[in-house]
Amino acid sequence: MSMRELVVLGTASQTPTRQRNHNGYVLRWDGEVILFDPGEGSQRQLLHTTVTATDLTRICVTHFHGDHCLGLPGTIQRLSLDRVPHPVAVHFPAGGAEYFARLRHAASFHETAELRVEPIEADGQRIALGVGTLEARRLRHPIETYGYRLVEPDGCRMLPERLAAYGIAGPAVGELIRVGHLDVDGRRVTREEVSVPRPGQRFAFVMDTGLCDGVYALAEHADLLVIESTFLDSEAALAAEVGHLTAGQAARVAAESGVRRLVLTHFSQRYADPARFADEARAHFDGDLVIAEDLTTVQVPPRRVASAG
């Protein structure tokens, strides 16, 4: 059974608080289980969820500031300790390869896990997955930073009543989907005649960045957008100076990009009341809004249902 959900490990920015761990997010997407930006404590936070290190198939790091990567040593060593039986791919900005090498071998351990090191070398780089395409886009931050976007291919939804009208059933349905047409009683029936389009779902992960084209490219028509909102609008000038977003800016991006469910996270320790982020976001975004909390799960919205016309 397919599962598409985000498991939040931590939601703090530079400094953790008593209520918020450093960053860490796990995306379950059918056969892929992707760990994004494991900050300090990510390995321990996993123990409070239903995700295990053995489940992980991929790790994606946006950049090498400590709150986004200092959980890598423990996570990588845990993969070997648990003797994860499958390869685990790791993606990160190619310019930070030296940082990754140091983190990978930060302490002595017996390495048994197979890591497939696949750096991101260019804006727009695409990685083919069994469940779709993982795309990286360059963001605007003081060091090399990429956001990630998972896109499922478009498909179609077969209409049982139309299939029945043409007498198509059983293995013939699979052949029609695969080939695109089927000859029935001297008449050619096309896939389009008995189906409606099924847009592929999209997930976007946008961390430390100022507003830039990459933010909008990642967010475009995302079913679930996870995006940093380090500051409130009162600190907009500071946010621009250090390469971050405010809650209002993140919400405007979501509204302008057609996002269905918006998850705000990566909050500065200066704010004790998360409701203030919701208030500022609601001024711009009227869709599903989640103010992320540690150890919560956010579902990818159900698939849009296309009309049969």
C-alpha atoms as a PDB file:
ATOM      1  CA  MET A   1       0.000   0.000   0.000  1.00  0.00           C
ATOM      2  CA  SER A   2       1.380   3.371  -0.966  1.00  0.00           C
ATOM      3  CA  MET A   3       2.100   5.957   1.717  1.00  0.00           C
ATOM      4  CA  ARG A   4       2.848   9.611   1.162  1.00  0.00           C
ATOM      5  CA  GLU A   5       3.553  11.670   4.247  1.00  0.00           C
ATOM      6  CA  LEU A   6       6.058  13.960   5.916  1.00  0.00           C
ATOM      7  CA  VAL A   7       7.451  13.048   9.333  1.00  0.00           C
ATOM      8  CA  VAL A   8       8.849  16.119  11.124  1.00  0.00           C
ATOM      9  CA  LEU A   9      11.895  15.448  13.313  1.00  0.00           C
ATOM     10  CA  GLY A  10      12.824  19.038  14.160  1.00  0.00           C
ATOM     11  CA  THR A  11      11.747  22.576  13.359  1.00  0.00           C
ATOM     12  CA  ALA A  12      14.334  24.925  14.910  1.00  0.00           C
ATOM     13  CA  SER A  13      16.694  27.088  12.903  1.00  0.00           C
ATOM     14  CA  GLN A  14      20.201  27.966  14.061  1.00  0.00           C
ATOM     15  CA  THR A  15      19.645  27.277  17.760  1.00  0.00           C
ATOM     16  CA  PRO A  16      17.448  24.488  19.153  1.00  0.00           C
ATOM     17  CA  THR A  17      15.050  25.254  21.982  1.00  0.00           C
ATOM     18  CA  ARG A  18      13.424  23.225  24.742  1.00  0.00           C
ATOM     19  CA  GLN A  19      10.483  22.589  22.418  1.00  0.00           C
ATOM     20  CA  ARG A  20      12.220  22.423  19.042  1.00  0.00           C
ATOM     21  CA  ASN A  21      15.001  20.131  17.862  1.00  0.00           C
ATOM     22  CA  HIS A  22      17.309  21.079  15.024  1.00  0.00           C
ATOM     23  CA  ASN A  23      16.066  20.376  11.499  1.00  0.00           C
ATOM     24  CA  GLY A  24      15.141  16.944  10.224  1.00  0.00           C
ATOM     25  CA  TYR A  25      12.363  15.766   7.917  1.00  0.00           C
ATOM     26  CA  VAL A  26      11.479  12.369   6.478  1.00  0.00           C
ATOM     27  CA  LEU A  27       9.364  12.015   3.348  1.00  0.00           C
ATOM     28  CA  ARG A  28       7.654   8.684   2.855  1.00  0.00           C
ATOM     29  CA  TRP A  29       6.661   8.453  -0.783  1.00  0.00           C
ATOM     30  CA  ASP A  30       5.682   4.923  -1.779  1.00  0.00           C
ATOM     31  CA  GLY A  31       8.958   3.002  -2.018  1.00  0.00           C
ATOM     32  CA  GLU A  32      11.186   5.989  -1.220  1.00  0.00           C
ATOM     33  CA  VAL A  33      11.957   7.123   2.328  1.00  0.00           C
ATOM     34  CA  ILE A  34      13.998  10.320   2.090  1.00  0.00           C
ATOM     35  CA  LEU A  35      15.701  12.054   5.011  1.00  0.00           C
ATOM     36  CA  PHE A  36      16.116  15.790   4.431  1.00  0.00           C
ATOM     37  CA  ASP A  37      18.615  17.988   6.304  1.00  0.00           C
ATOM     38  CA  PRO A  38      19.439  15.905   9.380  1.00  0.00           C
ATOM     39  CA  GLY A  39      20.511  18.330  12.096  1.00  0.00           C
ATOM     40  CA  GLU A  40      21.824  17.397  15.530  1.00  0.00           C
ATOM     41  CA  GLY A  41      19.619  14.886  17.317  1.00  0.00           C
ATOM     42  CA  SER A  42      17.957  13.516  14.174  1.00  0.00           C
ATOM     43  CA  GLN A  43      18.944   9.935  14.990  1.00  0.00           C
ATOM     44  CA  ARG A  44      17.341  10.199  18.429  1.00  0.00           C
ATOM     45  CA  GLN A  45      14.246  11.930  17.067  1.00  0.00           C
ATOM     46  CA  LEU A  46      13.709   8.969  14.734  1.00  0.00           C
ATOM     47  CA  LEU A  47      13.269   6.781  17.810  1.00  0.00           C
ATOM     48  CA  HIS A  48      10.088   8.716  18.620  1.00  0.00           C
ATOM     49  CA  THR A  49       8.577   7.973  15.199  1.00  0.00           C
ATOM     50  CA  THR A  50       7.679   4.878  13.224  1.00  0.00           C
ATOM     51  CA  VAL A  51      10.606   5.502  10.846  1.00  0.00           C
ATOM     52  CA  THR A  52      13.815   3.525  11.342  1.00  0.00           C
ATOM     53  CA  ALA A  53      17.259   4.015   9.848  1.00  0.00           C
ATOM     54  CA  THR A  54      16.726   0.774   7.931  1.00  0.00           C
ATOM     55  CA  ASP A  55      13.771   2.369   6.145  1.00  0.00           C
ATOM     56  CA  LEU A  56      15.863   5.172   4.651  1.00  0.00           C
ATOM     57  CA  THR A  57      16.567   4.956   0.929  1.00  0.00           C
ATOM     58  CA  ARG A  58      17.974   8.438   0.343  1.00  0.00           C
ATOM     59  CA  ILE A  59      19.408  11.464   2.171  1.00  0.00           C
ATOM     60  CA  CYS A  60      19.174  15.002   0.769  1.00  0.00           C
ATOM     61  CA  VAL A  61      21.162  17.895   2.225  1.00  0.00           C
ATOM     62  CA  THR A  62      20.340  21.426   1.106  1.00  0.00           C
ATOM     63  CA  HIS A  63      23.586  23.013   2.361  1.00  0.00           C
ATOM     64  CA  PHE A  64      26.351  22.648   4.913  1.00  0.00           C
ATOM     65  CA  HIS A  65      25.330  24.967   7.717  1.00  0.00           C
ATOM     66  CA  GLY A  66      25.410  22.983  10.943  1.00  0.00           C
ATOM     67  CA  ASP A  67      21.707  22.989  11.746  1.00  0.00           C
ATOM     68  CA  HIS A  68      21.103  21.162   8.447  1.00  0.00           C
ATOM     69  CA  CYS A  69      23.890  18.582   8.474  1.00  0.00           C
ATOM     70  CA  LEU A  70      25.428  17.889  11.896  1.00  0.00           C
ATOM     71  CA  GLY A  71      23.169  14.861  12.284  1.00  0.00           C
ATOM     72  CA  LEU A  72      24.826  13.186   9.306  1.00  0.00           C
ATOM     73  CA  PRO A  73      27.652  11.414  11.228  1.00  0.00           C
ATOM     74  CA  GLY A  74      25.295   9.608  13.591  1.00  0.00           C
ATOM     75  CA  THR A  75      22.796   8.792  10.867  1.00  0.00           C
ATOM     76  CA  ILE A  76      25.441   7.384   8.539  1.00  0.00           C
ATOM     77  CA  GLN A  77      27.004   5.312  11.294  1.00  0.00           C
ATOM     78  CA  ARG A  78      23.563   4.017  12.269  1.00  0.00           C
ATOM     79  CA  LEU A  79      23.054   2.729   8.728  1.00  0.00           C
ATOM     80  CA  SER A  80      26.113   0.531   9.180  1.00  0.00           C
ATOM     81  CA  LEU A  81      25.283  -0.459  12.753  1.00  0.00           C
ATOM     82  CA  ASP A  82      21.874  -1.676  11.591  1.00  0.00           C
ATOM     83  CA  ARG A  83      23.422  -3.285   8.495  1.00  0.00           C
ATOM     84  CA  VAL A  84      20.934  -1.652   6.150  1.00  0.00           C
ATOM     85  CA  PRO A  85      20.642  -4.172   3.308  1.00  0.00           C
ATOM     86  CA  HIS A  86      20.011  -1.746   0.452  1.00  0.00           C
ATOM     87  CA  PRO A  87      22.067   1.123  -1.006  1.00  0.00           C
ATOM     88  CA  VAL A  88      21.318   4.599   0.349  1.00  0.00           C
ATOM     89  CA  ALA A  89      21.893   7.522  -2.017  1.00  0.00           C
ATOM     90  CA  VAL A  90      23.156  10.820  -0.609  1.00  0.00           C
ATOM     91  CA  HIS A  91      22.692  14.150  -2.399  1.00  0.00           C
ATOM     92  CA  PHE A  92      24.305  17.446  -1.391  1.00  0.00           C
ATOM     93  CA  PRO A  93      25.838  20.538  -3.052  1.00  0.00           C
ATOM     94  CA  ALA A  94      28.958  19.433  -4.909  1.00  0.00           C
ATOM     95  CA  GLY A  95      30.868  22.440  -3.595  1.00  0.00           C
ATOM     96  CA  GLY A  96      30.494  21.010  -0.092  1.00  0.00           C
ATOM     97  CA  ALA A  97      32.058  17.638  -0.898  1.00  0.00           C
ATOM     98  CA  GLU A  98      34.859  18.223   1.603  1.00  0.00           C
ATOM     99  CA  TYR A  99      32.350  18.936   4.362  1.00  0.00           C
ATOM    100  CA  PHE A 100      30.461  15.755   3.506  1.00  0.00           C
ATOM    101  CA  ALA A 101      33.652  13.679   3.571  1.00  0.00           C
ATOM    102  CA  ARG A 102      34.522  15.039   7.018  1.00  0.00           C
ATOM    103  CA  LEU A 103      31.040  14.397   8.370  1.00  0.00           C
ATOM    104  CA  ARG A 104      30.924  10.901   6.902  1.00  0.00           C
ATOM    105  CA  HIS A 105      34.144   9.939   8.670  1.00  0.00           C
ATOM    106  CA  ALA A 106      33.827  12.166  11.741  1.00  0.00           C
ATOM    107  CA  ALA A 107      34.535   9.186  14.017  1.00  0.00           C
ATOM    108  CA  SER A 108      35.875   5.666  13.726  1.00  0.00           C
ATOM    109  CA  PHE A 109      33.308   2.984  12.884  1.00  0.00           C
ATOM    110  CA  HIS A 110      32.991  -0.223  10.896  1.00  0.00           C
ATOM    111  CA  GLU A 111      31.325   0.787   7.645  1.00  0.00           C
ATOM    112  CA  THR A 112      29.064  -1.874   6.215  1.00  0.00           C
ATOM    113  CA  ALA A 113      26.284   0.204   4.616  1.00  0.00           C
ATOM    114  CA  GLU A 114      26.516   1.043   0.923  1.00  0.00           C
ATOM    115  CA  LEU A 115      26.309   4.804   0.434  1.00  0.00           C
ATOM    116  CA  ARG A 116      25.893   6.045  -3.115  1.00  0.00           C
ATOM    117  CA  VAL A 117      27.366   9.531  -3.080  1.00  0.00           C
ATOM    118  CA  GLU A 118      25.629  11.581  -5.784  1.00  0.00           C
ATOM    119  CA  PRO A 119      26.381  15.323  -5.408  1.00  0.00           C
ATOM    120  CA  ILE A 120      24.264  18.044  -6.988  1.00  0.00           C
ATOM    121  CA  GLU A 121      26.487  19.749  -9.533  1.00  0.00           C
ATOM    122  CA  ALA A 122      24.128  22.066 -11.412  1.00  0.00           C
ATOM    123  CA  ASP A 123      20.915  24.020 -11.055  1.00  0.00           C
ATOM    124  CA  GLY A 124      18.049  21.944 -12.419  1.00  0.00           C
ATOM    125  CA  GLN A 125      19.833  18.612 -12.034  1.00  0.00           C
ATOM    126  CA  ARG A 126      17.376  15.712 -12.214  1.00  0.00           C
ATOM    127  CA  ILE A 127      17.642  12.278 -10.661  1.00  0.00           C
ATOM    128  CA  ALA A 128      15.410   9.483 -11.910  1.00  0.00           C
ATOM    129  CA  LEU A 129      13.676   7.544  -9.138  1.00  0.00           C
ATOM    130  CA  GLY A 130      11.314   4.621  -9.310  1.00  0.00           C
ATOM    131  CA  VAL A 131       8.509   6.901  -8.107  1.00  0.00           C
ATOM    132  CA  GLY A 132       9.261   9.906 -10.288  1.00  0.00           C
ATOM    133  CA  THR A 133      11.960  12.539 -10.699  1.00  0.00           C
ATOM    134  CA  LEU A 134      13.927  14.335  -7.984  1.00  0.00           C
ATOM    135  CA  GLU A 135      14.947  17.814  -9.125  1.00  0.00           C
ATOM    136  CA  ALA A 136      17.367  20.223  -7.413  1.00  0.00           C
ATOM    137  CA  ARG A 137      17.178  23.984  -7.834  1.00  0.00           C
ATOM    138  CA  ARG A 138      19.718  26.579  -6.699  1.00  0.00           C
ATOM    139  CA  LEU A 139      18.610  28.853  -3.856  1.00  0.00           C
ATOM    140  CA  ARG A 140      19.905  32.203  -2.592  1.00  0.00           C
ATOM    141  CA  HIS A 141      21.923  31.814   0.600  1.00  0.00           C
ATOM    142  CA  PRO A 142      25.453  32.818   1.665  1.00  0.00           C
ATOM    143  CA  ILE A 143      26.769  29.338   0.793  1.00  0.00           C
ATOM    144  CA  GLU A 144      25.885  26.933  -2.025  1.00  0.00           C
ATOM    145  CA  THR A 145      22.343  25.745  -1.365  1.00  0.00           C
ATOM    146  CA  TYR A 146      19.801  23.660  -3.270  1.00  0.00           C
ATOM    147  CA  GLY A 147      16.137  22.915  -2.692  1.00  0.00           C
ATOM    148  CA  TYR A 148      14.555  19.671  -3.829  1.00  0.00           C
ATOM    149  CA  ARG A 149      11.368  18.763  -5.667  1.00  0.00           C
ATOM    150  CA  LEU A 150       9.867  15.305  -6.223  1.00  0.00           C
ATOM    151  CA  VAL A 151       7.561  15.030  -9.229  1.00  0.00           C
ATOM    152  CA  GLU A 152       5.430  12.024 -10.050  1.00  0.00           C
ATOM    153  CA  PRO A 153       4.754  11.478 -13.786  1.00  0.00           C
ATOM    154  CA  ASP A 154       1.303  12.358 -15.046  1.00  0.00           C
ATOM    155  CA  GLY A 155      -0.931   9.379 -15.680  1.00  0.00           C
ATOM    156  CA  CYS A 156      -4.575   8.565 -16.229  1.00  0.00           C
ATOM    157  CA  ARG A 157      -7.518   7.227 -14.260  1.00  0.00           C
ATOM    158  CA  MET A 158      -9.520   4.549 -16.015  1.00  0.00           C
ATOM    159  CA  LEU A 159     -13.309   4.939 -15.969  1.00  0.00           C
ATOM    160  CA  PRO A 160     -15.041   1.615 -15.171  1.00  0.00           C
ATOM    161  CA  GLU A 161     -18.345   2.618 -16.764  1.00  0.00           C
ATOM    162  CA  ARG A 162     -16.675   3.483 -20.077  1.00  0.00           C
ATOM    163  CA  LEU A 163     -14.585   0.316 -20.035  1.00  0.00           C
ATOM    164  CA  ALA A 164     -17.760  -1.683 -19.427  1.00  0.00           C
ATOM    165  CA  ALA A 165     -19.532   0.069 -22.298  1.00  0.00           C
ATOM    166  CA  TYR A 166     -16.853  -1.219 -24.684  1.00  0.00           C
ATOM    167  CA  GLY A 167     -16.716  -4.646 -23.052  1.00  0.00           C
ATOM    168  CA  ILE A 168     -13.126  -4.182 -21.883  1.00  0.00           C
ATOM    169  CA  ALA A 169     -12.176  -6.087 -18.715  1.00  0.00           C
ATOM    170  CA  GLY A 170      -9.443  -8.159 -17.110  1.00  0.00           C
ATOM    171  CA  PRO A 171      -5.995  -8.296 -18.760  1.00  0.00           C
ATOM    172  CA  ALA A 172      -7.303  -6.217 -21.681  1.00  0.00           C
ATOM    173  CA  VAL A 173      -7.403  -3.163 -19.404  1.00  0.00           C
ATOM    174  CA  GLY A 174      -3.694  -3.511 -18.691  1.00  0.00           C
ATOM    175  CA  GLU A 175      -2.931  -3.865 -22.381  1.00  0.00           C
ATOM    176  CA  LEU A 176      -4.965  -0.757 -23.180  1.00  0.00           C
ATOM    177  CA  ILE A 177      -3.062   1.245 -20.559  1.00  0.00           C
ATOM    178  CA  ARG A 178       0.283  -0.047 -21.773  1.00  0.00           C
ATOM    179  CA  VAL A 179      -0.239   0.223 -25.532  1.00  0.00           C
ATOM    180  CA  GLY A 180      -2.606   3.178 -25.624  1.00  0.00           C
ATOM    181  CA  HIS A 181      -5.301   1.556 -27.734  1.00  0.00           C
ATOM    182  CA  LEU A 182      -7.170  -1.703 -28.146  1.00  0.00           C
ATOM    183  CA  ASP A 183      -9.145  -3.197 -31.065  1.00  0.00           C
ATOM    184  CA  VAL A 184     -12.579  -4.357 -29.879  1.00  0.00           C
ATOM    185  CA  ASP A 185     -15.115  -5.891 -32.317  1.00  0.00           C
ATOM    186  CA  GLY A 186     -13.543  -4.147 -35.273  1.00  0.00           C
ATOM    187  CA  ARG A 187     -13.307  -0.771 -33.556  1.00  0.00           C
ATOM    188  CA  ARG A 188     -10.180   0.821 -32.131  1.00  0.00           C
ATOM    189  CA  VAL A 189     -10.690   2.141 -28.596  1.00  0.00           C
ATOM    190  CA  THR A 190      -8.075   4.614 -27.379  1.00  0.00           C
ATOM    191  CA  ARG A 191      -6.952   5.058 -23.807  1.00  0.00           C
ATOM    192  CA  GLU A 192      -8.209   8.656 -23.868  1.00  0.00           C
ATOM    193  CA  GLU A 193     -11.762   7.493 -24.607  1.00  0.00           C
ATOM    194  CA  VAL A 194     -12.001   5.477 -21.385  1.00  0.00           C
ATOM    195  CA  SER A 195      -9.954   7.563 -18.962  1.00  0.00           C
ATOM    196  CA  VAL A 196      -9.349  11.035 -17.586  1.00  0.00           C
ATOM    197  CA  PRO A 197      -5.947  12.646 -16.966  1.00  0.00           C
ATOM    198  CA  ARG A 198      -4.387  12.057 -13.546  1.00  0.00           C
ATOM    199  CA  PRO A 199      -1.851  14.780 -12.738  1.00  0.00           C
ATOM    200  CA  GLY A 200       1.217  13.503 -10.940  1.00  0.00           C
ATOM    201  CA  GLN A 201       1.669  14.663  -7.363  1.00  0.00           C
ATOM    202  CA  ARG A 202       4.477  17.043  -6.376  1.00  0.00           C
ATOM    203  CA  PHE A 203       6.449  17.624  -3.190  1.00  0.00           C
ATOM    204  CA  ALA A 204       8.818  20.546  -2.627  1.00  0.00           C
ATOM    205  CA  PHE A 205      11.428  21.172   0.077  1.00  0.00           C
ATOM    206  CA  VAL A 206      12.751  24.723   0.377  1.00  0.00           C
ATOM    207  CA  MET A 207      15.160  25.605   3.157  1.00  0.00           C
ATOM    208  CA  ASP A 208      17.483  28.536   3.835  1.00  0.00           C
ATOM    209  CA  THR A 209      17.009  31.087   1.054  1.00  0.00           C
ATOM    210  CA  GLY A 210      15.984  34.565   0.136  1.00  0.00           C
ATOM    211  CA  LEU A 211      13.350  35.060  -2.545  1.00  0.00           C
ATOM    212  CA  CYS A 212      14.655  33.898  -5.933  1.00  0.00           C
ATOM    213  CA  ASP A 213      13.545  32.099  -9.081  1.00  0.00           C
ATOM    214  CA  GLY A 214      14.525  28.744  -7.594  1.00  0.00           C
ATOM    215  CA  VAL A 215      11.991  29.116  -4.780  1.00  0.00           C
ATOM    216  CA  TYR A 216       9.132  29.578  -7.230  1.00  0.00           C
ATOM    217  CA  ALA A 217      10.351  26.808  -9.548  1.00  0.00           C
ATOM    218  CA  LEU A 218      10.333  24.365  -6.650  1.00  0.00           C
ATOM    219  CA  ALA A 219       6.962  25.466  -5.270  1.00  0.00           C
ATOM    220  CA  GLU A 220       5.064  25.488  -8.573  1.00  0.00           C
ATOM    221  CA  HIS A 221       1.822  23.484  -8.168  1.00  0.00           C
ATOM    222  CA  ALA A 222       3.214  21.529  -5.222  1.00  0.00           C
ATOM    223  CA  ASP A 223       0.706  19.345  -3.420  1.00  0.00           C
ATOM    224  CA  LEU A 224       2.882  19.691  -0.311  1.00  0.00           C
ATOM    225  CA  LEU A 225       5.402  22.501   0.150  1.00  0.00           C
ATOM    226  CA  VAL A 226       7.767  22.445   3.132  1.00  0.00           C
ATOM    227  CA  ILE A 227       9.385  25.852   3.351  1.00  0.00           C
ATOM    228  CA  GLU A 228      11.430  27.815   5.837  1.00  0.00           C
ATOM    229  CA  SER A 229       9.913  30.834   7.548  1.00  0.00           C
ATOM    230  CA  THR A 230      12.720  31.744   9.901  1.00  0.00           C
ATOM    231  CA  PHE A 231      11.461  35.256  10.630  1.00  0.00           C
ATOM    232  CA  LEU A 232       8.282  37.247  10.993  1.00  0.00           C
ATOM    233  CA  ASP A 233       7.666  40.173   8.654  1.00  0.00           C
ATOM    234  CA  SER A 234       8.921  42.659  11.230  1.00  0.00           C
ATOM    235  CA  GLU A 235      12.410  41.251  10.582  1.00  0.00           C
ATOM    236  CA  ALA A 236      12.109  41.288   6.781  1.00  0.00           C
ATOM    237  CA  ALA A 237      15.241  43.416   6.365  1.00  0.00           C
ATOM    238  CA  LEU A 238      17.277  41.022   8.507  1.00  0.00           C
ATOM    239  CA  ALA A 239      15.848  38.050   6.623  1.00  0.00           C
ATOM    240  CA  ALA A 240      16.967  39.521   3.291  1.00  0.00           C
ATOM    241  CA  GLU A 241      20.416  40.300   4.681  1.00  0.00           C
ATOM    242  CA  VAL A 242      21.087  36.738   5.877  1.00  0.00           C
ATOM    243  CA  GLY A 243      19.293  34.851   3.097  1.00  0.00           C
ATOM    244  CA  HIS A 244      16.069  33.743   4.753  1.00  0.00           C
ATOM    245  CA  LEU A 245      12.301  34.076   4.337  1.00  0.00           C
ATOM    246  CA  THR A 246       9.575  35.504   6.507  1.00  0.00           C
ATOM    247  CA  ALA A 247       6.262  33.771   7.139  1.00  0.00           C
ATOM    248  CA  GLY A 248       4.512  36.300   4.909  1.00  0.00           C
ATOM    249  CA  GLN A 249       6.962  35.783   2.051  1.00  0.00           C
ATOM    250  CA  ALA A 250       6.665  31.993   2.251  1.00  0.00           C
ATOM    251  CA  ALA A 251       2.879  32.242   2.228  1.00  0.00           C
ATOM    252  CA  ARG A 252       2.905  34.555  -0.793  1.00  0.00           C
ATOM    253  CA  VAL A 253       5.112  32.087  -2.640  1.00  0.00           C
ATOM    254  CA  ALA A 254       2.606  29.334  -1.875  1.00  0.00           C
ATOM    255  CA  ALA A 255      -0.376  31.406  -2.970  1.00  0.00           C
ATOM    256  CA  GLU A 256       1.254  32.541  -6.213  1.00  0.00           C
ATOM    257  CA  SER A 257       2.504  29.028  -7.018  1.00  0.00           C
ATOM    258  CA  GLY A 258      -0.780  27.166  -6.551  1.00  0.00           C
ATOM    259  CA  VAL A 259       0.363  25.137  -3.534  1.00  0.00           C
ATOM    260  CA  ARG A 260      -2.280  22.928  -1.941  1.00  0.00           C
ATOM    261  CA  ARG A 261      -0.806  22.306   1.522  1.00  0.00           C
ATOM    262  CA  LEU A 262       1.798  24.618   3.042  1.00  0.00           C
ATOM    263  CA  VAL A 263       4.109  23.582   5.886  1.00  0.00           C
ATOM    264  CA  LEU A 264       6.028  26.402   7.576  1.00  0.00           C
ATOM    265  CA  THR A 265       9.116  25.458   9.592  1.00  0.00           C
ATOM    266  CA  HIS A 266      12.709  26.427  10.568  1.00  0.00           C
ATOM    267  CA  PHE A 267      11.695  28.985  13.165  1.00  0.00           C
ATOM    268  CA  SER A 268      14.077  31.386  14.859  1.00  0.00           C
ATOM    269  CA  GLN A 269      14.498  30.857  18.590  1.00  0.00           C
ATOM    270  CA  ARG A 270      13.496  34.490  19.157  1.00  0.00           C
ATOM    271  CA  TYR A 271       9.811  33.612  18.698  1.00  0.00           C
ATOM    272  CA  ALA A 272       8.053  31.707  21.476  1.00  0.00           C
ATOM    273  CA  ASP A 273       4.542  31.776  19.987  1.00  0.00           C
ATOM    274  CA  PRO A 274       4.128  29.826  16.709  1.00  0.00           C
ATOM    275  CA  ALA A 275       0.635  31.236  16.253  1.00  0.00           C
ATOM    276  CA  ARG A 276       2.219  34.479  15.068  1.00  0.00           C
ATOM    277  CA  PHE A 277       3.554  32.641  11.987  1.00  0.00           C
ATOM    278  CA  ALA A 278       0.061  31.350  11.206  1.00  0.00           C
ATOM    279  CA  ASP A 279      -1.426  34.828  11.563  1.00  0.00           C
ATOM    280  CA  GLU A 280       1.055  36.344   9.113  1.00  0.00           C
ATOM    281  CA  ALA A 281       0.735  33.465   6.639  1.00  0.00           C
ATOM    282  CA  ARG A 282      -3.068  33.615   6.642  1.00  0.00           C
ATOM    283  CA  ALA A 283      -2.932  37.175   5.343  1.00  0.00           C
ATOM    284  CA  HIS A 284      -1.664  35.763   2.036  1.00  0.00           C
ATOM    285  CA  PHE A 285      -2.531  32.039   1.810  1.00  0.00           C
ATOM    286  CA  ASP A 286      -6.023  30.549   2.218  1.00  0.00           C
ATOM    287  CA  GLY A 287      -5.159  26.903   1.497  1.00  0.00           C
ATOM    288  CA  ASP A 288      -4.228  24.153   3.945  1.00  0.00           C
ATOM    289  CA  LEU A 289      -1.673  25.573   6.394  1.00  0.00           C
ATOM    290  CA  VAL A 290       0.472  23.653   8.882  1.00  0.00           C
ATOM    291  CA  ILE A 291       2.781  25.297  11.410  1.00  0.00           C
ATOM    292  CA  ALA A 292       5.229  22.436  11.869  1.00  0.00           C
ATOM    293  CA  GLU A 293       5.879  20.951  15.284  1.00  0.00           C
ATOM    294  CA  ASP A 294       8.486  18.362  16.226  1.00  0.00           C
ATOM    295  CA  LEU A 295       7.436  14.711  15.909  1.00  0.00           C
ATOM    296  CA  THR A 296       4.257  15.371  13.963  1.00  0.00           C
ATOM    297  CA  THR A 297       3.169  13.797  10.684  1.00  0.00           C
ATOM    298  CA  VAL A 298       1.725  15.723   7.755  1.00  0.00           C
ATOM    299  CA  GLN A 299      -0.093  13.851   5.026  1.00  0.00           C
ATOM    300  CA  VAL A 300       0.356  14.657   1.354  1.00  0.00           C
ATOM    301  CA  PRO A 301      -3.128  15.836   0.277  1.00  0.00           C
ATOM    302  CA  PRO A 302      -5.289  13.254  -1.495  1.00  0.00           C
ATOM    303  CA  ARG A 303      -4.859  13.225  -5.232  1.00  0.00           C
ATOM    304  CA  ARG A 304      -6.920  15.698  -7.222  1.00  0.00           C
ATOM    305  CA  VAL A 305      -9.870  13.981  -8.900  1.00  0.00           C
ATOM    306  CA  ALA A 306     -10.186  14.880 -12.561  1.00  0.00           C
ATOM    307  CA  SER A 307     -13.624  15.274 -14.098  1.00  0.00           C
ATOM    308  CA  ALA A 308     -14.770  12.660 -16.612  1.00  0.00           C
ATOM    309  CA  GLY A 309     -16.071  15.449 -18.797  1.00  0.00           C
END
